[in-house]
Amino acid sequence: MTPSLTHVLLTRFNLPTPGVESMVRAKDGWLRERQELFERFCLPSVQAQSKSEFNWIVYFDTQSPPWLKARVAELAMSGTFAAIYRDSVPRTDLLSDIREVAGDDTDVLLTTNLDNDDAVAHDFVERLQAQVGEGGRCAIYLSNGLIRSGMNLYRRHDPHNAFASVSENWSGAVTCWSDWHDRLGGSMDVRPVGGEPGWLQVVHNGNVSNRIKGTLVGPEKYLRLFPCGLDGVATPTTASLIVDRGFWAPLRAAREMPRAIAKKMILLIGGKKGLDRIKVLVAGRSRV
């Protein structure tokens, strides 16, 4: 028997965050750029979902400027998302908000992280919900996605990506925000799901950590999956595809390896707080 399901997408729009993200978010124009990206990529991709049985909570800072609050009120009138203003979201408040917005009269709670500058394929929700069954807590990842940088598009395999979901019983629920998206496997089972790209990350000036990864591709075969988000993407020439596969893609992968090793060592020695201190130091130097 298929268990009944409550599915909630969770987005931090501009919640106060300690560390490197707070430095990025303090830059002039960050909010306006992020609002534009949200309306161009994130919001329409959620509105285009093939399955509508889900809820979406978007968290905003209580100190958000009046222009943002006014725009959010306009967008929220469509009913696509519930806008909630908080200074922080501890787990007890998060679960309370979920219950108030979506209810809790089901067998399973499925929560999914969605960054406000990214987009999802039109069948993203449907594919995630198809993975939910009876059993204990499990992190679910659609492993394949796309990365957009300007007019270029890259296909990326990332089995622990930021579009992380957690399926669990309501009793003792922790949600997908219980840990960093790539560390959920330390406290629960992980289920990577293959198939066509399920998500689209957008690399832009305001990104905290996204970089170009993966292999250069053309947009044509992905337009049906992403009716929003691929406008303006160029079709690469045969020569550029060959060069990317033979040189640039391996180079990008090689550059990621020492970063991954360094991150693992810092986490092992200093934990998440230690890694955040390093990020703040690097970010501070980059602004000099």
C-alpha atoms as a PDB file:
ATOM      1  CA  MET A   1       0.000   0.000   0.000  1.00  0.00           C
ATOM      2  CA  THR A   2       1.365   3.417  -0.965  1.00  0.00           C
ATOM      3  CA  PRO A   3       1.750   5.682   2.096  1.00  0.00           C
ATOM      4  CA  SER A   4       0.006   9.050   2.149  1.00  0.00           C
ATOM      5  CA  LEU A   5       2.421  11.929   1.648  1.00  0.00           C
ATOM      6  CA  THR A   6       2.959  15.562   2.575  1.00  0.00           C
ATOM      7  CA  HIS A   7       5.594  17.160   0.338  1.00  0.00           C
ATOM      8  CA  VAL A   8       7.035  20.602   1.121  1.00  0.00           C
ATOM      9  CA  LEU A   9       9.683  22.536  -0.789  1.00  0.00           C
ATOM     10  CA  LEU A  10      11.836  24.707   1.490  1.00  0.00           C
ATOM     11  CA  THR A  11      13.670  27.858   0.382  1.00  0.00           C
ATOM     12  CA  ARG A  12      15.826  30.270   2.344  1.00  0.00           C
ATOM     13  CA  PHE A  13      15.522  33.531   0.443  1.00  0.00           C
ATOM     14  CA  ASN A  14      17.542  35.951   2.577  1.00  0.00           C
ATOM     15  CA  LEU A  15      17.531  34.578   6.111  1.00  0.00           C
ATOM     16  CA  PRO A  16      20.396  35.958   8.231  1.00  0.00           C
ATOM     17  CA  THR A  17      23.182  33.403   7.986  1.00  0.00           C
ATOM     18  CA  PRO A  18      26.512  33.501   9.848  1.00  0.00           C
ATOM     19  CA  GLY A  19      29.757  33.132   7.941  1.00  0.00           C
ATOM     20  CA  VAL A  20      30.639  33.627   4.300  1.00  0.00           C
ATOM     21  CA  GLU A  21      27.031  33.868   3.076  1.00  0.00           C
ATOM     22  CA  SER A  22      26.405  36.895   5.285  1.00  0.00           C
ATOM     23  CA  MET A  23      29.313  38.688   3.587  1.00  0.00           C
ATOM     24  CA  VAL A  24      27.928  37.986   0.121  1.00  0.00           C
ATOM     25  CA  ARG A  25      24.405  38.996   1.105  1.00  0.00           C
ATOM     26  CA  ALA A  26      25.668  42.292   2.511  1.00  0.00           C
ATOM     27  CA  LYS A  27      26.876  43.426  -0.907  1.00  0.00           C
ATOM     28  CA  ASP A  28      24.965  46.178  -2.668  1.00  0.00           C
ATOM     29  CA  GLY A  29      22.430  44.852  -5.106  1.00  0.00           C
ATOM     30  CA  TRP A  30      22.478  41.270  -3.813  1.00  0.00           C
ATOM     31  CA  LEU A  31      18.776  41.274  -2.946  1.00  0.00           C
ATOM     32  CA  ARG A  32      17.654  42.875  -6.200  1.00  0.00           C
ATOM     33  CA  GLU A  33      19.724  40.442  -8.256  1.00  0.00           C
ATOM     34  CA  ARG A  34      18.408  37.507  -6.247  1.00  0.00           C
ATOM     35  CA  GLN A  35      14.823  38.684  -6.658  1.00  0.00           C
ATOM     36  CA  GLU A  36      15.302  38.890 -10.422  1.00  0.00           C
ATOM     37  CA  LEU A  37      16.792  35.379 -10.519  1.00  0.00           C
ATOM     38  CA  PHE A  38      13.972  34.039  -8.363  1.00  0.00           C
ATOM     39  CA  GLU A  39      11.350  35.398 -10.740  1.00  0.00           C
ATOM     40  CA  ARG A  40      13.229  34.332 -13.867  1.00  0.00           C
ATOM     41  CA  PHE A  41      14.266  30.809 -12.919  1.00  0.00           C
ATOM     42  CA  CYS A  42      12.987  29.458  -9.615  1.00  0.00           C
ATOM     43  CA  LEU A  43       9.377  30.605  -9.400  1.00  0.00           C
ATOM     44  CA  PRO A  44       8.257  29.718 -12.960  1.00  0.00           C
ATOM     45  CA  SER A  45       9.909  26.296 -12.751  1.00  0.00           C
ATOM     46  CA  VAL A  46       7.877  25.464  -9.642  1.00  0.00           C
ATOM     47  CA  GLN A  47       4.708  26.801 -11.233  1.00  0.00           C
ATOM     48  CA  ALA A  48       5.317  24.515 -14.247  1.00  0.00           C
ATOM     49  CA  GLN A  49       5.417  21.264 -12.241  1.00  0.00           C
ATOM     50  CA  SER A  50       3.601  18.286 -13.744  1.00  0.00           C
ATOM     51  CA  LYS A  51       2.234  17.385 -10.313  1.00  0.00           C
ATOM     52  CA  SER A  52       0.651  19.989  -8.061  1.00  0.00           C
ATOM     53  CA  GLU A  53       0.268  18.018  -4.811  1.00  0.00           C
ATOM     54  CA  PHE A  54       2.936  19.834  -2.812  1.00  0.00           C
ATOM     55  CA  ASN A  55       3.480  23.001  -0.788  1.00  0.00           C
ATOM     56  CA  TRP A  56       6.290  25.542  -0.905  1.00  0.00           C
ATOM     57  CA  ILE A  57       7.547  27.631   2.011  1.00  0.00           C
ATOM     58  CA  VAL A  58       9.899  30.531   1.279  1.00  0.00           C
ATOM     59  CA  TYR A  59      11.611  32.160   4.265  1.00  0.00           C
ATOM     60  CA  PHE A  60      12.511  35.841   4.325  1.00  0.00           C
ATOM     61  CA  ASP A  61      14.434  37.997   6.775  1.00  0.00           C
ATOM     62  CA  THR A  62      12.195  40.108   9.027  1.00  0.00           C
ATOM     63  CA  GLN A  63      14.465  43.063   8.223  1.00  0.00           C
ATOM     64  CA  SER A  64      13.861  42.792   4.471  1.00  0.00           C
ATOM     65  CA  PRO A  65      13.455  46.195   2.774  1.00  0.00           C
ATOM     66  CA  PRO A  66       9.928  47.464   2.037  1.00  0.00           C
ATOM     67  CA  TRP A  67      10.320  47.062  -1.735  1.00  0.00           C
ATOM     68  CA  LEU A  68      11.050  43.341  -1.313  1.00  0.00           C
ATOM     69  CA  LYS A  69       8.171  42.775   1.095  1.00  0.00           C
ATOM     70  CA  ALA A  70       5.809  44.507  -1.319  1.00  0.00           C
ATOM     71  CA  ARG A  71       6.981  42.409  -4.258  1.00  0.00           C
ATOM     72  CA  VAL A  72       6.804  39.185  -2.242  1.00  0.00           C
ATOM     73  CA  ALA A  73       3.227  40.000  -1.235  1.00  0.00           C
ATOM     74  CA  GLU A  74       2.324  40.401  -4.922  1.00  0.00           C
ATOM     75  CA  LEU A  75       3.946  37.124  -5.936  1.00  0.00           C
ATOM     76  CA  ALA A  76       2.501  35.164  -3.004  1.00  0.00           C
ATOM     77  CA  MET A  77      -1.045  36.116  -4.030  1.00  0.00           C
ATOM     78  CA  SER A  78      -0.890  33.400  -6.698  1.00  0.00           C
ATOM     79  CA  GLY A  79      -0.752  30.774  -3.959  1.00  0.00           C
ATOM     80  CA  THR A  80       2.395  29.169  -5.367  1.00  0.00           C
ATOM     81  CA  PHE A  81       4.324  29.660  -2.123  1.00  0.00           C
ATOM     82  CA  ALA A  82       3.791  30.689   1.484  1.00  0.00           C
ATOM     83  CA  ALA A  83       6.024  33.600   2.489  1.00  0.00           C
ATOM     84  CA  ILE A  84       7.184  33.462   6.120  1.00  0.00           C
ATOM     85  CA  TYR A  85       9.345  36.119   7.794  1.00  0.00           C
ATOM     86  CA  ARG A  86      11.736  35.004  10.529  1.00  0.00           C
ATOM     87  CA  ASP A  87      15.103  35.933  12.010  1.00  0.00           C
ATOM     88  CA  SER A  88      16.031  32.236  12.164  1.00  0.00           C
ATOM     89  CA  VAL A  89      14.326  28.888  11.662  1.00  0.00           C
ATOM     90  CA  PRO A  90      15.100  26.358  14.387  1.00  0.00           C
ATOM     91  CA  ARG A  91      13.746  22.884  13.768  1.00  0.00           C
ATOM     92  CA  THR A  92      10.775  23.286  16.113  1.00  0.00           C
ATOM     93  CA  ASP A  93       9.629  26.418  14.256  1.00  0.00           C
ATOM     94  CA  LEU A  94      10.247  24.791  10.878  1.00  0.00           C
ATOM     95  CA  LEU A  95       8.085  21.785  11.712  1.00  0.00           C
ATOM     96  CA  SER A  96       5.413  24.056  13.166  1.00  0.00           C
ATOM     97  CA  ASP A  97       5.390  26.101   9.952  1.00  0.00           C
ATOM     98  CA  ILE A  98       5.164  22.954   7.838  1.00  0.00           C
ATOM     99  CA  ARG A  99       2.208  21.695   9.855  1.00  0.00           C
ATOM    100  CA  GLU A 100       0.436  25.048   9.585  1.00  0.00           C
ATOM    101  CA  VAL A 101       1.001  25.368   5.827  1.00  0.00           C
ATOM    102  CA  ALA A 102       0.621  21.743   4.710  1.00  0.00           C
ATOM    103  CA  GLY A 103      -0.946  19.800   7.582  1.00  0.00           C
ATOM    104  CA  ASP A 104       0.355  16.605   9.179  1.00  0.00           C
ATOM    105  CA  ASP A 105      -2.412  14.057   8.622  1.00  0.00           C
ATOM    106  CA  THR A 106      -0.314  11.811   6.374  1.00  0.00           C
ATOM    107  CA  ASP A 107       2.029   8.863   6.846  1.00  0.00           C
ATOM    108  CA  VAL A 108       5.180  10.439   5.402  1.00  0.00           C
ATOM    109  CA  LEU A 109       6.769  13.896   5.336  1.00  0.00           C
ATOM    110  CA  LEU A 110       8.948  14.684   2.312  1.00  0.00           C
ATOM    111  CA  THR A 111      10.957  17.919   2.434  1.00  0.00           C
ATOM    112  CA  THR A 112      13.085  19.257  -0.418  1.00  0.00           C
ATOM    113  CA  ASN A 113      15.630  22.066  -0.428  1.00  0.00           C
ATOM    114  CA  LEU A 114      15.369  24.556  -3.284  1.00  0.00           C
ATOM    115  CA  ASP A 115      17.721  27.530  -3.565  1.00  0.00           C
ATOM    116  CA  ASN A 116      16.065  30.747  -4.684  1.00  0.00           C
ATOM    117  CA  ASP A 117      18.283  31.232  -7.758  1.00  0.00           C
ATOM    118  CA  ASP A 118      17.928  27.715  -9.180  1.00  0.00           C
ATOM    119  CA  ALA A 119      15.263  25.905 -11.202  1.00  0.00           C
ATOM    120  CA  VAL A 120      13.859  22.387 -11.381  1.00  0.00           C
ATOM    121  CA  ALA A 121      12.665  20.219 -14.262  1.00  0.00           C
ATOM    122  CA  HIS A 122       8.917  20.147 -14.875  1.00  0.00           C
ATOM    123  CA  ASP A 123       8.685  16.580 -13.485  1.00  0.00           C
ATOM    124  CA  PHE A 124      10.988  17.184 -10.488  1.00  0.00           C
ATOM    125  CA  VAL A 125       8.246  16.865  -7.858  1.00  0.00           C
ATOM    126  CA  GLU A 126       6.662  13.879  -9.601  1.00  0.00           C
ATOM    127  CA  ARG A 127       9.946  11.970  -9.770  1.00  0.00           C
ATOM    128  CA  LEU A 128      10.751  12.635  -6.114  1.00  0.00           C
ATOM    129  CA  GLN A 129       7.341  11.552  -4.886  1.00  0.00           C
ATOM    130  CA  ALA A 130       7.636   8.333  -6.902  1.00  0.00           C
ATOM    131  CA  GLN A 131      10.632   7.394  -4.737  1.00  0.00           C
ATOM    132  CA  VAL A 132       8.761   7.602  -1.453  1.00  0.00           C
ATOM    133  CA  GLY A 133       7.724   4.352   0.175  1.00  0.00           C
ATOM    134  CA  GLU A 134       7.323   2.786   3.558  1.00  0.00           C
ATOM    135  CA  GLY A 135      10.361   2.588   5.770  1.00  0.00           C
ATOM    136  CA  GLY A 136      12.663   4.791   7.758  1.00  0.00           C
ATOM    137  CA  ARG A 137      14.294   8.125   7.092  1.00  0.00           C
ATOM    138  CA  CYS A 138      16.043   8.441   3.731  1.00  0.00           C
ATOM    139  CA  ALA A 139      17.787  11.207   1.789  1.00  0.00           C
ATOM    140  CA  ILE A 140      16.783  11.282  -1.878  1.00  0.00           C
ATOM    141  CA  TYR A 141      18.770  12.953  -4.655  1.00  0.00           C
ATOM    142  CA  LEU A 142      18.009  13.270  -8.354  1.00  0.00           C
ATOM    143  CA  SER A 143      21.655  12.810  -9.280  1.00  0.00           C
ATOM    144  CA  ASN A 144      21.724  14.395 -12.744  1.00  0.00           C
ATOM    145  CA  GLY A 145      21.262  18.059 -13.493  1.00  0.00           C
ATOM    146  CA  LEU A 146      22.339  21.045 -15.542  1.00  0.00           C
ATOM    147  CA  ILE A 147      24.485  24.070 -14.783  1.00  0.00           C
ATOM    148  CA  ARG A 148      23.957  27.311 -16.648  1.00  0.00           C
ATOM    149  CA  SER A 149      26.711  29.921 -16.873  1.00  0.00           C
ATOM    150  CA  GLY A 150      25.802  32.812 -19.133  1.00  0.00           C
ATOM    151  CA  MET A 151      24.970  31.400 -22.561  1.00  0.00           C
ATOM    152  CA  ASN A 152      26.629  28.030 -21.873  1.00  0.00           C
ATOM    153  CA  LEU A 153      25.025  24.883 -20.483  1.00  0.00           C
ATOM    154  CA  TYR A 154      26.741  21.948 -18.774  1.00  0.00           C
ATOM    155  CA  ARG A 155      25.439  18.510 -17.830  1.00  0.00           C
ATOM    156  CA  ARG A 156      26.457  17.505 -14.314  1.00  0.00           C
ATOM    157  CA  HIS A 157      26.304  14.287 -12.282  1.00  0.00           C
ATOM    158  CA  ASP A 158      26.208  15.101  -8.566  1.00  0.00           C
ATOM    159  CA  PRO A 159      24.831  12.374  -6.281  1.00  0.00           C
ATOM    160  CA  HIS A 160      24.817  14.697  -3.236  1.00  0.00           C
ATOM    161  CA  ASN A 161      23.576  17.915  -4.796  1.00  0.00           C
ATOM    162  CA  ALA A 162      21.868  20.912  -3.171  1.00  0.00           C
ATOM    163  CA  PHE A 163      18.378  19.771  -4.280  1.00  0.00           C
ATOM    164  CA  ALA A 164      18.322  17.290  -1.412  1.00  0.00           C
ATOM    165  CA  SER A 165      15.131  15.678  -0.137  1.00  0.00           C
ATOM    166  CA  VAL A 166      14.407  13.741   3.044  1.00  0.00           C
ATOM    167  CA  SER A 167      11.568  11.238   3.331  1.00  0.00           C
ATOM    168  CA  GLU A 168      10.625  10.274   6.894  1.00  0.00           C
ATOM    169  CA  ASN A 169       7.841   9.589   9.339  1.00  0.00           C
ATOM    170  CA  TRP A 170       6.342  12.583  11.122  1.00  0.00           C
ATOM    171  CA  SER A 171       7.437  11.275  14.506  1.00  0.00           C
ATOM    172  CA  GLY A 172      10.885  12.724  15.214  1.00  0.00           C
ATOM    173  CA  ALA A 173      11.104  14.407  11.802  1.00  0.00           C
ATOM    174  CA  VAL A 174      14.334  16.326  11.109  1.00  0.00           C
ATOM    175  CA  THR A 175      13.728  17.536   7.472  1.00  0.00           C
ATOM    176  CA  CYS A 176      16.226  18.130   4.659  1.00  0.00           C
ATOM    177  CA  TRP A 177      17.670  21.067   6.620  1.00  0.00           C
ATOM    178  CA  SER A 178      19.000  18.841   9.403  1.00  0.00           C
ATOM    179  CA  ASP A 179      22.516  19.069   7.923  1.00  0.00           C
ATOM    180  CA  TRP A 180      24.380  20.310   4.866  1.00  0.00           C
ATOM    181  CA  HIS A 181      23.002  18.693   1.729  1.00  0.00           C
ATOM    182  CA  ASP A 182      26.196  16.691   1.133  1.00  0.00           C
ATOM    183  CA  ARG A 183      26.342  15.421   4.728  1.00  0.00           C
ATOM    184  CA  LEU A 184      22.860  13.959   5.125  1.00  0.00           C
ATOM    185  CA  GLY A 185      24.254  10.503   4.460  1.00  0.00           C
ATOM    186  CA  GLY A 186      26.044  10.648   7.789  1.00  0.00           C
ATOM    187  CA  SER A 187      22.772  10.294   9.671  1.00  0.00           C
ATOM    188  CA  MET A 188      20.443   8.427   7.290  1.00  0.00           C
ATOM    189  CA  ASP A 189      20.247   6.152   4.272  1.00  0.00           C
ATOM    190  CA  VAL A 190      20.805   7.757   0.860  1.00  0.00           C
ATOM    191  CA  ARG A 191      18.948   6.997  -2.353  1.00  0.00           C
ATOM    192  CA  PRO A 192      20.517   8.441  -5.530  1.00  0.00           C
ATOM    193  CA  VAL A 193      18.121   8.497  -8.479  1.00  0.00           C
ATOM    194  CA  GLY A 194      19.462   8.535 -12.041  1.00  0.00           C
ATOM    195  CA  GLY A 195      17.718   9.467 -15.246  1.00  0.00           C
ATOM    196  CA  GLU A 196      17.305  12.756 -17.060  1.00  0.00           C
ATOM    197  CA  PRO A 197      18.442  16.054 -15.509  1.00  0.00           C
ATOM    198  CA  GLY A 198      16.145  17.067 -12.686  1.00  0.00           C
ATOM    199  CA  TRP A 199      17.549  20.442 -11.743  1.00  0.00           C
ATOM    200  CA  LEU A 200      19.258  23.566 -13.069  1.00  0.00           C
ATOM    201  CA  GLN A 201      21.867  25.540 -11.141  1.00  0.00           C
ATOM    202  CA  VAL A 202      22.606  29.069 -12.304  1.00  0.00           C
ATOM    203  CA  VAL A 203      26.154  30.383 -11.924  1.00  0.00           C
ATOM    204  CA  HIS A 204      26.209  34.149 -11.501  1.00  0.00           C
ATOM    205  CA  ASN A 205      28.108  36.892  -9.666  1.00  0.00           C
ATOM    206  CA  GLY A 206      26.114  36.496  -6.469  1.00  0.00           C
ATOM    207  CA  ASN A 207      26.727  32.766  -6.045  1.00  0.00           C
ATOM    208  CA  VAL A 208      28.232  31.783  -2.717  1.00  0.00           C
ATOM    209  CA  SER A 209      29.809  28.508  -3.849  1.00  0.00           C
ATOM    210  CA  ASN A 210      28.591  27.396  -7.283  1.00  0.00           C
ATOM    211  CA  ARG A 211      31.177  26.917 -10.005  1.00  0.00           C
ATOM    212  CA  ILE A 212      31.096  25.593 -13.554  1.00  0.00           C
ATOM    213  CA  LYS A 213      31.204  21.794 -13.443  1.00  0.00           C
ATOM    214  CA  GLY A 214      30.296  19.023 -15.824  1.00  0.00           C
ATOM    215  CA  THR A 215      30.404  18.739 -19.603  1.00  0.00           C
ATOM    216  CA  LEU A 216      29.303  21.313 -22.185  1.00  0.00           C
ATOM    217  CA  VAL A 217      26.022  20.454 -23.921  1.00  0.00           C
ATOM    218  CA  GLY A 218      23.442  22.059 -26.176  1.00  0.00           C
ATOM    219  CA  PRO A 219      20.003  23.047 -24.840  1.00  0.00           C
ATOM    220  CA  GLU A 220      17.815  21.382 -27.483  1.00  0.00           C
ATOM    221  CA  LYS A 221      17.197  17.997 -25.843  1.00  0.00           C
ATOM    222  CA  TYR A 222      16.446  19.583 -22.470  1.00  0.00           C
ATOM    223  CA  LEU A 223      13.895  22.228 -23.480  1.00  0.00           C
ATOM    224  CA  ARG A 224      10.945  19.925 -22.773  1.00  0.00           C
ATOM    225  CA  LEU A 225      12.264  19.303 -19.260  1.00  0.00           C
ATOM    226  CA  PHE A 226      12.932  22.963 -18.552  1.00  0.00           C
ATOM    227  CA  PRO A 227      10.274  25.132 -20.197  1.00  0.00           C
ATOM    228  CA  CYS A 228      11.710  27.945 -18.056  1.00  0.00           C
ATOM    229  CA  GLY A 229      15.398  28.693 -17.636  1.00  0.00           C
ATOM    230  CA  LEU A 230      17.082  27.770 -20.903  1.00  0.00           C
ATOM    231  CA  ASP A 231      16.159  30.845 -22.936  1.00  0.00           C
ATOM    232  CA  GLY A 232      19.245  32.495 -24.388  1.00  0.00           C
ATOM    233  CA  VAL A 233      21.443  29.393 -24.059  1.00  0.00           C
ATOM    234  CA  ALA A 234      23.655  28.995 -27.112  1.00  0.00           C
ATOM    235  CA  THR A 235      24.032  25.846 -29.179  1.00  0.00           C
ATOM    236  CA  PRO A 236      27.739  24.958 -29.052  1.00  0.00           C
ATOM    237  CA  THR A 237      29.630  24.177 -32.219  1.00  0.00           C
ATOM    238  CA  THR A 238      30.961  20.685 -32.851  1.00  0.00           C
ATOM    239  CA  ALA A 239      34.493  22.006 -32.399  1.00  0.00           C
ATOM    240  CA  SER A 240      33.696  23.568 -29.008  1.00  0.00           C
ATOM    241  CA  LEU A 241      32.097  20.319 -27.830  1.00  0.00           C
ATOM    242  CA  ILE A 242      35.186  18.343 -28.816  1.00  0.00           C
ATOM    243  CA  VAL A 243      37.529  20.798 -27.113  1.00  0.00           C
ATOM    244  CA  ASP A 244      35.415  20.831 -23.960  1.00  0.00           C
ATOM    245  CA  ARG A 245      35.285  17.047 -23.685  1.00  0.00           C
ATOM    246  CA  GLY A 246      38.943  16.626 -24.470  1.00  0.00           C
ATOM    247  CA  PHE A 247      40.414  19.508 -22.471  1.00  0.00           C
ATOM    248  CA  TRP A 248      38.160  21.820 -20.445  1.00  0.00           C
ATOM    249  CA  ALA A 249      35.936  19.212 -18.772  1.00  0.00           C
ATOM    250  CA  PRO A 250      38.896  17.105 -17.538  1.00  0.00           C
ATOM    251  CA  LEU A 251      40.606  20.301 -16.377  1.00  0.00           C
ATOM    252  CA  ARG A 252      37.544  21.376 -14.395  1.00  0.00           C
ATOM    253  CA  ALA A 253      37.339  17.924 -12.814  1.00  0.00           C
ATOM    254  CA  ALA A 254      41.037  18.012 -11.921  1.00  0.00           C
ATOM    255  CA  ARG A 255      40.629  21.399 -10.261  1.00  0.00           C
ATOM    256  CA  GLU A 256      37.762  20.106  -8.129  1.00  0.00           C
ATOM    257  CA  MET A 257      39.774  17.226  -6.697  1.00  0.00           C
ATOM    258  CA  PRO A 258      42.150  19.248  -4.458  1.00  0.00           C
ATOM    259  CA  ARG A 259      39.228  21.445  -3.344  1.00  0.00           C
ATOM    260  CA  ALA A 260      37.287  18.354  -2.293  1.00  0.00           C
ATOM    261  CA  ILE A 261      40.279  16.900  -0.437  1.00  0.00           C
ATOM    262  CA  ALA A 262      40.964  20.195   1.353  1.00  0.00           C
ATOM    263  CA  LYS A 263      37.298  20.532   2.358  1.00  0.00           C
ATOM    264  CA  LYS A 264      37.251  16.988   3.727  1.00  0.00           C
ATOM    265  CA  MET A 265      40.403  17.600   5.776  1.00  0.00           C
ATOM    266  CA  ILE A 266      39.135  20.907   7.183  1.00  0.00           C
ATOM    267  CA  LEU A 267      35.828  19.291   8.149  1.00  0.00           C
ATOM    268  CA  LEU A 268      37.684  16.412   9.785  1.00  0.00           C
ATOM    269  CA  ILE A 269      39.887  18.749  11.833  1.00  0.00           C
ATOM    270  CA  GLY A 270      37.736  21.820  12.469  1.00  0.00           C
ATOM    271  CA  GLY A 271      34.209  20.707  11.692  1.00  0.00           C
ATOM    272  CA  LYS A 272      31.652  22.875   9.928  1.00  0.00           C
ATOM    273  CA  LYS A 273      32.600  25.951  11.971  1.00  0.00           C
ATOM    274  CA  GLY A 274      36.217  25.563  10.918  1.00  0.00           C
ATOM    275  CA  LEU A 275      35.267  25.335   7.246  1.00  0.00           C
ATOM    276  CA  ASP A 276      33.080  28.415   7.565  1.00  0.00           C
ATOM    277  CA  ARG A 277      35.959  30.382   9.107  1.00  0.00           C
ATOM    278  CA  ILE A 278      38.156  29.484   6.143  1.00  0.00           C
ATOM    279  CA  LYS A 279      35.439  30.578   3.717  1.00  0.00           C
ATOM    280  CA  VAL A 280      35.058  33.908   5.503  1.00  0.00           C
ATOM    281  CA  LEU A 281      38.817  34.475   5.333  1.00  0.00           C
ATOM    282  CA  VAL A 282      38.965  33.699   1.619  1.00  0.00           C
ATOM    283  CA  ALA A 283      35.911  35.825   0.880  1.00  0.00           C
ATOM    284  CA  GLY A 284      37.367  38.710   2.830  1.00  0.00           C
ATOM    285  CA  ARG A 285      40.614  38.614   0.872  1.00  0.00           C
ATOM    286  CA  SER A 286      38.743  38.463  -2.442  1.00  0.00           C
ATOM    287  CA  ARG A 287      37.017  41.750  -1.621  1.00  0.00           C
ATOM    288  CA  VAL A 288      40.245  43.632  -0.941  1.00  0.00           C
END
